[in-house]
Amino acid sequence: MFSHVMLGANDIQQSKTFYDATLAVLGYPEGVIDPKGRCFYFSKHDVFALTKPIDGQPASKGNGSTIGFSAKSADEVNAWHAAGLANGGVAIEDAPGVREGAGMKLYLAYLLDPAGNKVCAMYRMP
């Protein structure tokens, strides 16, 4: 459905440190900085990127926006959360755990990244 997701970051290296750590837990390689100073994470079908806003204004979070990353287990979600906290993330909402609704059982953890973007890791439970 999506070709890519790009988030604004005021300090690309600080955000890269956070995402290198959290995405490594989910099995993704380290981000790559391009000649324009943007950071890209590539998988077979997806691209996730970090950039300073092109309008020159500071990056700001989207109120009501969340970027969710898929995890393979509850343990992986917990490891993602711990890696994020250790690398500049801020814990928000409830502690990592089970959430149920709309006939689904999910294991979720939420963080704010160094630029204040709301991100989560999610495992769809059987």
C-alpha atoms as a PDB file:
ATOM      1  CA  MET A   1       0.000   0.000   0.000  1.00  0.00           C
ATOM      2  CA  PHE A   2       2.776   2.471   0.846  1.00  0.00           C
ATOM      3  CA  SER A   3       5.894   3.175  -1.183  1.00  0.00           C
ATOM      4  CA  HIS A   4       7.746   4.739   1.752  1.00  0.00           C
ATOM      5  CA  VAL A   5       7.434   6.560   5.048  1.00  0.00           C
ATOM      6  CA  MET A   6       9.537   9.646   5.731  1.00  0.00           C
ATOM      7  CA  LEU A   7       9.756  11.408   9.085  1.00  0.00           C
ATOM      8  CA  GLY A   8      11.195  14.797   9.887  1.00  0.00           C
ATOM      9  CA  ALA A   9      14.193  14.957  12.197  1.00  0.00           C
ATOM     10  CA  ASN A  10      16.107  17.973  13.493  1.00  0.00           C
ATOM     11  CA  ASP A  11      19.267  15.982  14.223  1.00  0.00           C
ATOM     12  CA  ILE A  12      19.644  13.199  11.646  1.00  0.00           C
ATOM     13  CA  GLN A  13      22.531  11.513  13.468  1.00  0.00           C
ATOM     14  CA  GLN A  14      20.663  11.448  16.796  1.00  0.00           C
ATOM     15  CA  SER A  15      17.578  10.003  15.090  1.00  0.00           C
ATOM     16  CA  LYS A  16      19.746   7.533  13.127  1.00  0.00           C
ATOM     17  CA  THR A  17      21.224   6.257  16.397  1.00  0.00           C
ATOM     18  CA  PHE A  18      17.706   5.669  17.754  1.00  0.00           C
ATOM     19  CA  TYR A  19      16.416   3.946  14.595  1.00  0.00           C
ATOM     20  CA  ASP A  20      19.598   1.917  14.020  1.00  0.00           C
ATOM     21  CA  ALA A  21      19.092   0.434  17.506  1.00  0.00           C
ATOM     22  CA  THR A  22      15.329  -0.098  17.365  1.00  0.00           C
ATOM     23  CA  LEU A  23      15.169  -1.373  13.795  1.00  0.00           C
ATOM     24  CA  ALA A  24      18.128  -3.731  14.334  1.00  0.00           C
ATOM     25  CA  VAL A  25      15.993  -5.534  16.926  1.00  0.00           C
ATOM     26  CA  LEU A  26      13.380  -6.061  14.203  1.00  0.00           C
ATOM     27  CA  GLY A  27      15.994  -7.422  11.780  1.00  0.00           C
ATOM     28  CA  TYR A  28      16.698  -4.381   9.607  1.00  0.00           C
ATOM     29  CA  PRO A  29      20.161  -3.202   8.548  1.00  0.00           C
ATOM     30  CA  GLU A  30      21.668   0.090   9.665  1.00  0.00           C
ATOM     31  CA  GLY A  31      20.446   3.251   7.976  1.00  0.00           C
ATOM     32  CA  VAL A  32      22.309   4.755   5.026  1.00  0.00           C
ATOM     33  CA  ILE A  33      22.998   8.490   4.776  1.00  0.00           C
ATOM     34  CA  ASP A  34      22.625   9.872   1.238  1.00  0.00           C
ATOM     35  CA  PRO A  35      24.494  12.878  -0.232  1.00  0.00           C
ATOM     36  CA  LYS A  36      21.648  15.193   0.872  1.00  0.00           C
ATOM     37  CA  GLY A  37      22.068  14.112   4.504  1.00  0.00           C
ATOM     38  CA  ARG A  38      18.893  12.041   4.646  1.00  0.00           C
ATOM     39  CA  CYS A  39      18.895   8.606   6.289  1.00  0.00           C
ATOM     40  CA  PHE A  40      17.265   5.617   4.573  1.00  0.00           C
ATOM     41  CA  TYR A  41      16.356   2.147   5.848  1.00  0.00           C
ATOM     42  CA  PHE A  42      15.637  -0.367   3.102  1.00  0.00           C
ATOM     43  CA  SER A  43      13.929  -3.749   3.101  1.00  0.00           C
ATOM     44  CA  LYS A  44      12.800  -5.866   0.179  1.00  0.00           C
ATOM     45  CA  HIS A  45       9.491  -3.983  -0.158  1.00  0.00           C
ATOM     46  CA  ASP A  46       9.686  -0.968   2.148  1.00  0.00           C
ATOM     47  CA  VAL A  47      11.616   2.252   2.652  1.00  0.00           C
ATOM     48  CA  PHE A  48      11.699   4.227   5.880  1.00  0.00           C
ATOM     49  CA  ALA A  49      13.539   7.552   5.845  1.00  0.00           C
ATOM     50  CA  LEU A  50      14.544  10.490   8.022  1.00  0.00           C
ATOM     51  CA  THR A  51      15.057  14.005   6.703  1.00  0.00           C
ATOM     52  CA  LYS A  52      15.359  17.585   7.810  1.00  0.00           C
ATOM     53  CA  PRO A  53      12.251  19.364   6.519  1.00  0.00           C
ATOM     54  CA  ILE A  54      12.869  20.847   3.081  1.00  0.00           C
ATOM     55  CA  ASP A  55      11.135  24.098   4.032  1.00  0.00           C
ATOM     56  CA  GLY A  56      13.936  24.837   6.524  1.00  0.00           C
ATOM     57  CA  GLN A  57      11.552  24.890   9.481  1.00  0.00           C
ATOM     58  CA  PRO A  58      12.122  22.615  12.502  1.00  0.00           C
ATOM     59  CA  ALA A  59      10.740  19.094  12.313  1.00  0.00           C
ATOM     60  CA  SER A  60       7.581  18.636  14.347  1.00  0.00           C
ATOM     61  CA  LYS A  61       5.489  15.640  15.253  1.00  0.00           C
ATOM     62  CA  GLY A  62       2.123  15.002  13.716  1.00  0.00           C
ATOM     63  CA  ASN A  63      -0.483  15.228  16.452  1.00  0.00           C
ATOM     64  CA  GLY A  64      -2.483  12.013  16.171  1.00  0.00           C
ATOM     65  CA  SER A  65       0.114  10.331  13.949  1.00  0.00           C
ATOM     66  CA  THR A  66       1.849   7.039  14.740  1.00  0.00           C
ATOM     67  CA  ILE A  67       4.280   4.994  12.675  1.00  0.00           C
ATOM     68  CA  GLY A  68       4.009   1.303  13.580  1.00  0.00           C
ATOM     69  CA  PHE A  69       6.732  -1.294  13.019  1.00  0.00           C
ATOM     70  CA  SER A  70       5.871  -5.011  12.798  1.00  0.00           C
ATOM     71  CA  ALA A  71       7.449  -7.380  15.296  1.00  0.00           C
ATOM     72  CA  LYS A  72       7.590 -11.179  15.281  1.00  0.00           C
ATOM     73  CA  SER A  73       6.952 -11.696  19.011  1.00  0.00           C
ATOM     74  CA  ALA A  74       6.177  -9.969  22.290  1.00  0.00           C
ATOM     75  CA  ASP A  75       9.831 -10.431  23.273  1.00  0.00           C
ATOM     76  CA  GLU A  76      10.870  -8.563  20.123  1.00  0.00           C
ATOM     77  CA  VAL A  77       8.506  -5.708  21.024  1.00  0.00           C
ATOM     78  CA  ASN A  78      10.045  -5.545  24.506  1.00  0.00           C
ATOM     79  CA  ALA A  79      13.575  -5.539  23.034  1.00  0.00           C
ATOM     80  CA  TRP A  80      12.565  -2.783  20.589  1.00  0.00           C
ATOM     81  CA  HIS A  81      11.219  -0.683  23.467  1.00  0.00           C
ATOM     82  CA  ALA A  82      14.351  -1.211  25.578  1.00  0.00           C
ATOM     83  CA  ALA A  83      16.635  -0.343  22.647  1.00  0.00           C
ATOM     84  CA  GLY A  84      14.648   2.814  22.021  1.00  0.00           C
ATOM     85  CA  LEU A  85      14.835   3.936  25.643  1.00  0.00           C
ATOM     86  CA  ALA A  86      18.590   3.304  25.665  1.00  0.00           C
ATOM     87  CA  ASN A  87      19.053   5.414  22.515  1.00  0.00           C
ATOM     88  CA  GLY A  88      17.145   8.627  23.114  1.00  0.00           C
ATOM     89  CA  GLY A  89      13.527   7.475  23.017  1.00  0.00           C
ATOM     90  CA  VAL A  90      10.908   8.513  25.563  1.00  0.00           C
ATOM     91  CA  ALA A  91       8.319   6.078  26.922  1.00  0.00           C
ATOM     92  CA  ILE A  92       4.711   7.126  26.388  1.00  0.00           C
ATOM     93  CA  GLU A  93       1.266   5.645  26.970  1.00  0.00           C
ATOM     94  CA  ASP A  94       1.021   2.367  28.877  1.00  0.00           C
ATOM     95  CA  ALA A  95       3.964   0.019  29.429  1.00  0.00           C
ATOM     96  CA  PRO A  96       4.517  -2.546  26.673  1.00  0.00           C
ATOM     97  CA  GLY A  97       1.740  -5.099  26.787  1.00  0.00           C
ATOM     98  CA  VAL A  98      -1.419  -6.635  25.387  1.00  0.00           C
ATOM     99  CA  ARG A  99      -4.156  -4.451  23.924  1.00  0.00           C
ATOM    100  CA  GLU A 100      -7.439  -5.890  22.689  1.00  0.00           C
ATOM    101  CA  GLY A 101     -10.074  -4.381  20.466  1.00  0.00           C
ATOM    102  CA  ALA A 102     -11.999  -4.876  17.242  1.00  0.00           C
ATOM    103  CA  GLY A 103     -11.558  -8.638  17.584  1.00  0.00           C
ATOM    104  CA  MET A 104      -7.753  -8.397  17.653  1.00  0.00           C
ATOM    105  CA  LYS A 105      -5.212  -9.133  20.345  1.00  0.00           C
ATOM    106  CA  LEU A 106      -2.032  -7.106  19.934  1.00  0.00           C
ATOM    107  CA  TYR A 107       1.181  -6.721  21.905  1.00  0.00           C
ATOM    108  CA  LEU A 108       2.271  -3.066  21.623  1.00  0.00           C
ATOM    109  CA  ALA A 109       4.909  -0.654  22.868  1.00  0.00           C
ATOM    110  CA  TYR A 110       5.055   3.091  22.177  1.00  0.00           C
ATOM    111  CA  LEU A 111       7.898   5.613  22.200  1.00  0.00           C
ATOM    112  CA  LEU A 112       8.621   9.150  21.106  1.00  0.00           C
ATOM    113  CA  ASP A 113      11.737   9.234  18.925  1.00  0.00           C
ATOM    114  CA  PRO A 114      14.380  11.957  19.454  1.00  0.00           C
ATOM    115  CA  ALA A 115      12.410  14.363  17.210  1.00  0.00           C
ATOM    116  CA  GLY A 116       9.158  13.716  19.104  1.00  0.00           C
ATOM    117  CA  ASN A 117       7.541  11.432  16.503  1.00  0.00           C
ATOM    118  CA  LYS A 118       5.263   8.765  17.969  1.00  0.00           C
ATOM    119  CA  VAL A 119       6.353   5.264  16.951  1.00  0.00           C
ATOM    120  CA  CYS A 120       5.354   1.804  18.070  1.00  0.00           C
ATOM    121  CA  ALA A 121       6.252  -1.831  17.654  1.00  0.00           C
ATOM    122  CA  MET A 122       3.367  -4.275  17.273  1.00  0.00           C
ATOM    123  CA  TYR A 123       3.017  -8.036  17.369  1.00  0.00           C
ATOM    124  CA  ARG A 124      -0.308  -9.490  16.207  1.00  0.00           C
ATOM    125  CA  MET A 125      -1.015 -12.248  18.688  1.00  0.00           C
ATOM    126  CA  PRO A 126      -2.625 -15.545  17.628  1.00  0.00           C
END
